[in-house]
Structures are given as C-alpha cells and as structure tokens.
Amino acid sequence: MSYDHTKQQLDNEQALKDPKPGDYWQEMFCPYFVVVDVKGQDLIVLSCLGGPHSFSRKHEPCAKIEVDGAHWAFDYGKEMTVDRDWIAKAVRYESIDGFVADVSNTEKTQRIVQEWRNFKQRDLRRQIQELEARWEEFTGWKYLKENTVA
C-alpha cells in the first residue's frame, strides 16, 4: 500500500475542521497528541507537546511516559483542554501552507480513547467516594449512623 499524500492532506484538513475523539496526530511516528473528548469548542487531548501554551518537546511532556526503551504510552491522568487554534498551531507549519504532522483515527487510537474514559470514570468515582467520606465526617452523619446502628 502506497502513501497517498493528497488523501492525507484532505484527512488532515477534515480533522482540523472537525476534530473527533481518536484523532491522533504524529510526525514520522513521533506522537504529538490524541483527541480523547470534544465538548463544544473545548477539546480534551493527551499531548506530548509540553502543555496548553507550549508546542515544544523540550518542556515537560504532559502525557507521555516511557514504558520501556522501545514503547511509549499516554499518561491518562494528564489530559489538557485546548481549542481548535491550539491544534492548528501544533500541526500546521508557521511559515508555509501545509501540515507538519498527520492525523489518523484507527481502532488503536479509539482504544486509547476508551482506556482514557475508563481511567477517568474510575478516578471520578474515587474522588466522589473520598468527598462522600469527608462530607459524612464534616456533617456528623458518619457518627449519627454509627450511633443508631448499635
């Protein structure tokens, strides 16, 4: 299968215009980011570009961890909220027309989205349980329940 530059450019333009969960941007197998959620104008991404105001790999990677010497994975706890302008700035050349990175949306990138959603749901449930315990202690409800059981 040969590389179809025209189709890739059309895919890039479409993903830039209408980002979808699972859109994975990379340059020569170097990950940039993956879109994991779209909420109106806000896009939730896992990024390797340094942060919501940075596009340099020199800064702390926000969502890239080394699994071993040959593999990488996104850190699901480090999502960022960005907008379409951030994506355009990250994936387009500054001085010429065209894309420095290309997009794909595959079964593998959809799996990243699902794994992030699962992580997020577990993390939110944990936070709710912690807050519930703090609420019960703060309001005295915990002690009231303990005294009525006896």
N, C-alpha and C. Protein backbone atom coordinates (compact mmCIF):
# COMPACT_ATOMS: atom_id res chain seq x y z
N MET A 1 0.85 -1.18 0.00
CA MET A 1 0.00 0.00 0.00
C MET A 1 0.89 1.24 0.00
N SER A 2 0.66 2.12 -0.92
CA SER A 2 1.49 3.33 -1.03
C SER A 2 0.84 4.49 -0.28
N TYR A 3 1.67 5.44 0.08
CA TYR A 3 1.22 6.63 0.80
C TYR A 3 0.52 7.56 -0.17
N ASP A 4 -0.69 7.96 0.13
CA ASP A 4 -1.47 8.87 -0.70
C ASP A 4 -1.44 10.25 -0.05
N HIS A 5 -0.52 11.10 -0.52
CA HIS A 5 -0.31 12.42 0.06
C HIS A 5 -1.58 13.28 -0.02
N THR A 6 -2.28 13.24 -1.14
CA THR A 6 -3.49 14.05 -1.32
C THR A 6 -4.58 13.64 -0.33
N LYS A 7 -4.78 12.33 -0.18
CA LYS A 7 -5.78 11.86 0.78
C LYS A 7 -5.39 12.25 2.20
N GLN A 8 -4.11 12.14 2.54
CA GLN A 8 -3.67 12.50 3.89
C GLN A 8 -3.91 13.99 4.14
N GLN A 9 -3.66 14.84 3.16
CA GLN A 9 -3.91 16.27 3.32
C GLN A 9 -5.39 16.55 3.54
N LEU A 10 -6.24 15.85 2.80
CA LEU A 10 -7.69 16.00 2.98
C LEU A 10 -8.11 15.52 4.38
N ASP A 11 -7.55 14.39 4.82
CA ASP A 11 -7.84 13.89 6.17
C ASP A 11 -7.40 14.91 7.21
N ASN A 12 -6.21 15.49 7.03
CA ASN A 12 -5.71 16.49 7.97
C ASN A 12 -6.64 17.70 8.03
N GLU A 13 -7.04 18.20 6.87
CA GLU A 13 -7.94 19.37 6.82
C GLU A 13 -9.26 19.06 7.52
N GLN A 14 -9.81 17.88 7.27
CA GLN A 14 -11.09 17.50 7.87
C GLN A 14 -10.96 17.38 9.39
N ALA A 15 -9.88 16.76 9.86
CA ALA A 15 -9.68 16.58 11.30
C ALA A 15 -9.42 17.93 11.98
N LEU A 16 -8.81 18.85 11.28
CA LEU A 16 -8.57 20.18 11.83
C LEU A 16 -9.89 20.95 11.93
N LYS A 17 -10.72 20.81 10.91
CA LYS A 17 -12.01 21.49 10.88
C LYS A 17 -13.01 20.89 11.87
N ASP A 18 -13.00 19.57 11.99
CA ASP A 18 -13.98 18.86 12.83
C ASP A 18 -13.28 17.75 13.62
N PRO A 19 -12.55 18.12 14.68
CA PRO A 19 -11.82 17.11 15.47
C PRO A 19 -12.76 16.10 16.11
N LYS A 20 -12.31 14.86 16.15
CA LYS A 20 -13.11 13.78 16.73
C LYS A 20 -12.26 12.99 17.72
N PRO A 21 -12.90 12.40 18.73
CA PRO A 21 -12.14 11.52 19.62
C PRO A 21 -11.45 10.42 18.81
N GLY A 22 -10.21 10.20 19.14
CA GLY A 22 -9.42 9.20 18.42
C GLY A 22 -8.51 9.81 17.37
N ASP A 23 -8.68 11.10 17.05
CA ASP A 23 -7.78 11.74 16.10
C ASP A 23 -6.39 11.81 16.74
N TYR A 24 -5.45 11.13 16.11
CA TYR A 24 -4.09 11.01 16.62
C TYR A 24 -3.15 11.71 15.65
N TRP A 25 -2.47 12.73 16.12
CA TRP A 25 -1.56 13.50 15.28
C TRP A 25 -0.13 13.09 15.60
N GLN A 26 0.65 12.84 14.53
CA GLN A 26 2.04 12.43 14.68
C GLN A 26 2.86 12.90 13.48
N GLU A 27 4.16 12.95 13.69
CA GLU A 27 5.08 13.30 12.62
C GLU A 27 6.14 12.23 12.57
N MET A 28 6.19 11.51 11.47
CA MET A 28 7.20 10.47 11.28
C MET A 28 7.28 9.54 12.50
N PHE A 29 6.13 9.08 12.96
CA PHE A 29 5.99 8.16 14.09
C PHE A 29 6.33 8.80 15.44
N CYS A 30 6.46 10.12 15.47
CA CYS A 30 6.65 10.86 16.72
C CYS A 30 5.29 11.39 17.15
N PRO A 31 4.76 10.95 18.30
CA PRO A 31 3.42 11.38 18.70
C PRO A 31 3.38 12.86 19.05
N TYR A 32 2.30 13.52 18.65
CA TYR A 32 2.01 14.89 19.07
C TYR A 32 0.94 14.86 20.15
N PHE A 33 -0.26 14.41 19.77
CA PHE A 33 -1.36 14.32 20.73
C PHE A 33 -2.47 13.46 20.14
N VAL A 34 -3.39 13.07 21.01
CA VAL A 34 -4.59 12.37 20.59
C VAL A 34 -5.78 13.07 21.25
N VAL A 35 -6.83 13.29 20.47
CA VAL A 35 -8.06 13.88 20.98
C VAL A 35 -8.84 12.76 21.67
N VAL A 36 -9.21 12.98 22.94
CA VAL A 36 -9.96 11.95 23.67
C VAL A 36 -11.41 12.35 23.94
N ASP A 37 -11.71 13.66 23.83
CA ASP A 37 -13.09 14.11 24.04
C ASP A 37 -13.28 15.47 23.39
N VAL A 38 -14.49 15.72 22.93
CA VAL A 38 -14.85 17.01 22.34
C VAL A 38 -16.08 17.51 23.08
N LYS A 39 -15.96 18.72 23.65
CA LYS A 39 -17.08 19.33 24.39
C LYS A 39 -17.28 20.74 23.84
N GLY A 40 -18.10 20.85 22.81
CA GLY A 40 -18.31 22.15 22.17
C GLY A 40 -17.03 22.62 21.52
N GLN A 41 -16.54 23.79 21.96
CA GLN A 41 -15.29 24.33 21.42
C GLN A 41 -14.05 23.80 22.15
N ASP A 42 -14.28 23.14 23.29
CA ASP A 42 -13.17 22.59 24.06
C ASP A 42 -12.84 21.18 23.60
N LEU A 43 -11.55 20.93 23.46
CA LEU A 43 -11.07 19.61 23.08
C LEU A 43 -10.18 19.10 24.20
N ILE A 44 -10.41 17.87 24.62
CA ILE A 44 -9.58 17.25 25.64
C ILE A 44 -8.57 16.38 24.89
N VAL A 45 -7.29 16.63 25.14
CA VAL A 45 -6.23 15.89 24.46
C VAL A 45 -5.24 15.32 25.47
N LEU A 46 -4.59 14.25 25.07
CA LEU A 46 -3.41 13.75 25.74
C LEU A 46 -2.26 14.15 24.82
N SER A 47 -1.32 14.92 25.34
CA SER A 47 -0.34 15.57 24.48
C SER A 47 1.09 15.24 24.87
N CYS A 48 1.97 15.28 23.90
CA CYS A 48 3.41 15.13 24.11
C CYS A 48 4.11 16.44 23.81
N LEU A 49 3.37 17.53 23.70
CA LEU A 49 3.95 18.79 23.23
C LEU A 49 4.29 19.77 24.34
N GLY A 50 4.14 19.42 25.58
CA GLY A 50 4.62 20.29 26.65
C GLY A 50 3.58 21.05 27.42
N GLY A 51 2.39 21.22 26.95
CA GLY A 51 1.39 21.93 27.72
C GLY A 51 0.46 22.74 26.85
N PRO A 52 -0.59 23.31 27.46
CA PRO A 52 -1.60 24.03 26.67
C PRO A 52 -1.09 25.34 26.08
N HIS A 53 0.08 25.80 26.49
CA HIS A 53 0.64 27.03 25.93
C HIS A 53 2.02 26.79 25.34
N SER A 54 2.36 25.55 25.12
CA SER A 54 3.68 25.20 24.61
C SER A 54 3.54 24.20 23.47
N PHE A 55 4.45 24.28 22.54
CA PHE A 55 4.45 23.34 21.41
C PHE A 55 5.83 22.72 21.26
N SER A 56 6.61 22.73 22.31
CA SER A 56 7.98 22.26 22.26
C SER A 56 8.14 21.00 23.07
N ARG A 57 8.85 20.04 22.52
CA ARG A 57 9.12 18.82 23.25
C ARG A 57 10.19 19.03 24.32
N LYS A 58 10.82 20.21 24.35
CA LYS A 58 11.83 20.49 25.37
C LYS A 58 11.20 20.61 26.74
N HIS A 59 9.98 21.05 26.81
CA HIS A 59 9.30 21.23 28.08
C HIS A 59 8.78 19.89 28.59
N GLU A 60 8.28 19.89 29.79
CA GLU A 60 7.78 18.64 30.38
C GLU A 60 6.71 18.02 29.51
N PRO A 61 6.90 16.79 29.11
CA PRO A 61 5.82 16.13 28.36
C PRO A 61 4.59 15.98 29.25
N CYS A 62 3.48 16.46 28.79
CA CYS A 62 2.27 16.41 29.60
C CYS A 62 1.63 15.04 29.63
N ALA A 63 1.84 14.24 28.64
CA ALA A 63 1.10 12.99 28.62
C ALA A 63 1.89 11.85 28.00
N LYS A 64 3.20 11.91 28.07
CA LYS A 64 3.98 10.83 27.50
C LYS A 64 4.82 10.20 28.60
N ILE A 65 4.72 8.89 28.72
CA ILE A 65 5.57 8.19 29.67
C ILE A 65 6.29 7.08 28.93
N GLU A 66 7.47 6.78 29.35
CA GLU A 66 8.22 5.68 28.74
C GLU A 66 7.80 4.38 29.39
N VAL A 67 7.37 3.44 28.60
CA VAL A 67 7.02 2.13 29.11
C VAL A 67 8.28 1.29 29.21
N ASP A 68 9.07 1.33 28.17
CA ASP A 68 10.39 0.74 28.14
C ASP A 68 11.16 1.44 27.03
N GLY A 69 12.29 0.95 26.68
CA GLY A 69 13.12 1.64 25.70
C GLY A 69 12.51 1.75 24.31
N ALA A 70 11.58 0.88 23.97
CA ALA A 70 11.05 0.86 22.61
C ALA A 70 9.59 1.27 22.50
N HIS A 71 8.92 1.56 23.60
CA HIS A 71 7.50 1.85 23.56
C HIS A 71 7.18 3.09 24.38
N TRP A 72 6.06 3.68 24.10
CA TRP A 72 5.56 4.81 24.89
C TRP A 72 4.07 4.62 25.08
N ALA A 73 3.53 5.37 26.02
CA ALA A 73 2.08 5.36 26.26
C ALA A 73 1.69 6.72 26.81
N PHE A 74 0.44 7.09 26.63
CA PHE A 74 -0.05 8.34 27.21
C PHE A 74 -0.35 8.15 28.69
N ASP A 75 -0.08 9.17 29.48
CA ASP A 75 -0.44 9.18 30.89
C ASP A 75 -1.87 9.72 30.95
N TYR A 76 -2.84 8.86 31.24
CA TYR A 76 -4.25 9.24 31.19
C TYR A 76 -4.63 10.28 32.23
N GLY A 77 -3.81 10.46 33.24
CA GLY A 77 -4.10 11.45 34.27
C GLY A 77 -3.67 12.86 33.92
N LYS A 78 -3.12 13.05 32.73
CA LYS A 78 -2.60 14.37 32.37
C LYS A 78 -3.26 14.93 31.11
N GLU A 79 -4.57 14.86 31.06
CA GLU A 79 -5.25 15.44 29.89
C GLU A 79 -5.21 16.96 29.95
N MET A 80 -5.33 17.58 28.79
CA MET A 80 -5.34 19.04 28.68
C MET A 80 -6.59 19.46 27.92
N THR A 81 -7.10 20.62 28.25
CA THR A 81 -8.20 21.21 27.49
C THR A 81 -7.59 22.27 26.58
N VAL A 82 -7.85 22.14 25.29
CA VAL A 82 -7.32 23.07 24.29
C VAL A 82 -8.46 23.47 23.35
N ASP A 83 -8.16 24.35 22.41
CA ASP A 83 -9.16 24.73 21.41
C ASP A 83 -8.61 24.42 20.01
N ARG A 84 -9.43 24.68 19.00
CA ARG A 84 -9.03 24.38 17.63
C ARG A 84 -7.81 25.20 17.19
N ASP A 85 -7.67 26.42 17.71
CA ASP A 85 -6.49 27.23 17.38
C ASP A 85 -5.21 26.56 17.87
N TRP A 86 -5.26 25.96 19.06
CA TRP A 86 -4.10 25.26 19.59
C TRP A 86 -3.72 24.11 18.66
N ILE A 87 -4.75 23.36 18.23
CA ILE A 87 -4.48 22.23 17.32
C ILE A 87 -3.86 22.74 16.03
N ALA A 88 -4.43 23.79 15.45
CA ALA A 88 -3.89 24.33 14.20
C ALA A 88 -2.44 24.76 14.37
N LYS A 89 -2.16 25.43 15.46
CA LYS A 89 -0.79 25.88 15.70
C LYS A 89 0.16 24.69 15.88
N ALA A 90 -0.33 23.63 16.49
CA ALA A 90 0.51 22.47 16.75
C ALA A 90 0.81 21.66 15.48
N VAL A 91 -0.12 21.61 14.54
CA VAL A 91 0.02 20.67 13.42
C VAL A 91 0.32 21.33 12.07
N ARG A 92 0.20 22.65 11.98
CA ARG A 92 0.48 23.35 10.72
C ARG A 92 1.85 24.02 10.78
N TYR A 93 2.48 24.16 9.63
CA TYR A 93 3.71 24.93 9.55
C TYR A 93 3.40 26.39 9.84
N GLU A 94 4.34 27.11 10.42
CA GLU A 94 4.12 28.53 10.70
C GLU A 94 4.31 29.39 9.47
N SER A 95 5.31 29.07 8.63
CA SER A 95 5.68 30.00 7.56
C SER A 95 5.22 29.57 6.17
N ILE A 96 4.78 28.32 6.02
CA ILE A 96 4.29 27.87 4.71
C ILE A 96 2.98 27.12 4.91
N ASP A 97 2.24 26.97 3.82
CA ASP A 97 0.98 26.24 3.89
C ASP A 97 1.28 24.74 3.98
N GLY A 98 0.60 24.07 4.84
CA GLY A 98 0.76 22.62 4.95
C GLY A 98 0.84 22.16 6.39
N PHE A 99 0.97 20.87 6.54
CA PHE A 99 0.95 20.24 7.86
C PHE A 99 2.32 19.67 8.21
N VAL A 100 2.74 19.94 9.42
CA VAL A 100 3.97 19.35 9.93
C VAL A 100 3.68 17.96 10.50
N ALA A 101 2.43 17.71 10.88
CA ALA A 101 2.00 16.42 11.43
C ALA A 101 0.81 15.91 10.65
N ASP A 102 0.61 14.61 10.70
CA ASP A 102 -0.52 13.98 10.01
C ASP A 102 -1.44 13.32 11.04
N VAL A 103 -2.70 13.20 10.68
CA VAL A 103 -3.71 12.61 11.56
C VAL A 103 -4.06 11.20 11.09
N SER A 104 -4.42 10.38 12.06
CA SER A 104 -5.04 9.09 11.76
C SER A 104 -6.08 8.85 12.84
N ASN A 105 -7.04 8.03 12.53
CA ASN A 105 -8.06 7.66 13.50
C ASN A 105 -8.35 6.19 13.25
N THR A 106 -7.80 5.34 14.11
CA THR A 106 -7.83 3.90 13.88
C THR A 106 -8.44 3.19 15.09
N GLU A 107 -8.56 1.89 14.97
CA GLU A 107 -9.03 1.08 16.08
C GLU A 107 -8.11 1.26 17.30
N LYS A 108 -6.82 1.35 17.05
CA LYS A 108 -5.86 1.53 18.14
C LYS A 108 -6.06 2.88 18.84
N THR A 109 -6.28 3.93 18.07
CA THR A 109 -6.48 5.25 18.69
C THR A 109 -7.83 5.32 19.39
N GLN A 110 -8.82 4.60 18.89
CA GLN A 110 -10.11 4.51 19.59
C GLN A 110 -9.95 3.77 20.92
N ARG A 111 -9.04 2.80 20.94
CA ARG A 111 -8.77 2.08 22.19
C ARG A 111 -8.14 3.01 23.23
N ILE A 112 -7.29 3.93 22.78
CA ILE A 112 -6.71 4.93 23.69
C ILE A 112 -7.83 5.77 24.30
N VAL A 113 -8.78 6.19 23.48
CA VAL A 113 -9.92 6.98 23.96
C VAL A 113 -10.70 6.19 25.01
N GLN A 114 -10.99 4.92 24.73
CA GLN A 114 -11.76 4.10 25.67
C GLN A 114 -10.99 3.87 26.96
N GLU A 115 -9.68 3.64 26.85
CA GLU A 115 -8.87 3.45 28.06
C GLU A 115 -8.84 4.72 28.89
N TRP A 116 -8.76 5.89 28.25
CA TRP A 116 -8.79 7.16 28.98
C TRP A 116 -10.14 7.33 29.67
N ARG A 117 -11.24 7.02 28.96
CA ARG A 117 -12.57 7.14 29.56
C ARG A 117 -12.70 6.22 30.78
N ASN A 118 -12.21 5.00 30.66
CA ASN A 118 -12.26 4.07 31.80
C ASN A 118 -11.45 4.61 32.97
N PHE A 119 -10.25 5.12 32.70
CA PHE A 119 -9.41 5.71 33.74
C PHE A 119 -10.14 6.88 34.40
N LYS A 120 -10.71 7.75 33.58
CA LYS A 120 -11.39 8.95 34.09
C LYS A 120 -12.59 8.56 34.96
N GLN A 121 -13.35 7.57 34.53
CA GLN A 121 -14.51 7.13 35.31
C GLN A 121 -14.07 6.58 36.67
N ARG A 122 -13.02 5.75 36.69
CA ARG A 122 -12.52 5.22 37.96
C ARG A 122 -12.02 6.34 38.86
N ASP A 123 -11.32 7.31 38.26
CA ASP A 123 -10.77 8.42 39.04
C ASP A 123 -11.90 9.29 39.61
N LEU A 124 -12.92 9.57 38.82
CA LEU A 124 -14.05 10.36 39.32
C LEU A 124 -14.79 9.63 40.44
N ARG A 125 -14.98 8.31 40.29
CA ARG A 125 -15.64 7.52 41.33
C ARG A 125 -14.83 7.58 42.63
N ARG A 126 -13.49 7.47 42.52
CA ARG A 126 -12.63 7.55 43.69
C ARG A 126 -12.76 8.91 44.37
N GLN A 127 -12.79 9.98 43.58
CA GLN A 127 -12.94 11.33 44.13
C GLN A 127 -14.29 11.49 44.83
N ILE A 128 -15.34 10.94 44.23
CA ILE A 128 -16.67 11.02 44.83
C ILE A 128 -16.68 10.29 46.17
N GLN A 129 -16.09 9.12 46.22
CA GLN A 129 -16.06 8.35 47.47
C GLN A 129 -15.28 9.09 48.55
N GLU A 130 -14.15 9.71 48.17
CA GLU A 130 -13.38 10.49 49.14
C GLU A 130 -14.19 11.68 49.65
N LEU A 131 -14.86 12.38 48.75
CA LEU A 131 -15.67 13.53 49.16
C LEU A 131 -16.86 13.10 50.01
N GLU A 132 -17.46 11.97 49.68
CA GLU A 132 -18.58 11.46 50.46
C GLU A 132 -18.14 11.16 51.90
N ALA A 133 -16.98 10.54 52.05
CA ALA A 133 -16.47 10.23 53.38
C ALA A 133 -16.18 11.52 54.15
N ARG A 134 -15.59 12.50 53.47
CA ARG A 134 -15.30 13.80 54.12
C ARG A 134 -16.60 14.50 54.51
N TRP A 135 -17.62 14.43 53.64
CA TRP A 135 -18.91 15.06 53.92
C TRP A 135 -19.56 14.42 55.14
N GLU A 136 -19.54 13.08 55.17
CA GLU A 136 -20.14 12.38 56.31
C GLU A 136 -19.45 12.78 57.61
N GLU A 137 -18.14 12.88 57.57
CA GLU A 137 -17.40 13.26 58.78
C GLU A 137 -17.68 14.71 59.16
N PHE A 138 -17.71 15.59 58.18
CA PHE A 138 -17.92 17.01 58.43
C PHE A 138 -19.32 17.28 58.99
N THR A 139 -20.32 16.64 58.44
CA THR A 139 -21.70 16.90 58.87
C THR A 139 -22.07 16.13 60.12
N GLY A 140 -21.24 15.17 60.51
CA GLY A 140 -21.58 14.34 61.65
C GLY A 140 -22.44 13.16 61.27
N TRP A 141 -22.80 13.05 60.01
CA TRP A 141 -23.65 11.96 59.54
C TRP A 141 -23.01 10.60 59.83
N LYS A 142 -21.69 10.53 59.70
CA LYS A 142 -20.97 9.29 59.96
C LYS A 142 -21.20 8.86 61.41
N TYR A 143 -21.08 9.78 62.33
CA TYR A 143 -21.24 9.45 63.75
C TYR A 143 -22.69 9.14 64.10
N LEU A 144 -23.62 9.85 63.45
CA LEU A 144 -25.03 9.59 63.68
C LEU A 144 -25.38 8.17 63.24
N LYS A 145 -24.87 7.77 62.05
CA LYS A 145 -25.14 6.41 61.56
C LYS A 145 -24.54 5.37 62.50
N GLU A 146 -23.31 5.64 63.00
CA GLU A 146 -22.66 4.68 63.90
C GLU A 146 -23.44 4.53 65.20
N ASN A 147 -24.01 5.61 65.72
CA ASN A 147 -24.73 5.56 66.98
C ASN A 147 -26.11 4.93 66.84
N THR A 148 -26.72 5.00 65.67
CA THR A 148 -28.05 4.42 65.50
C THR A 148 -27.99 2.95 65.19
N VAL A 149 -26.87 2.45 64.72
CA VAL A 149 -26.73 1.04 64.40
C VAL A 149 -26.68 0.20 65.67
N ALA A 150 -26.08 0.69 66.71
CA ALA A 150 -25.88 -0.07 67.95
C ALA A 150 -27.11 -0.36 68.69
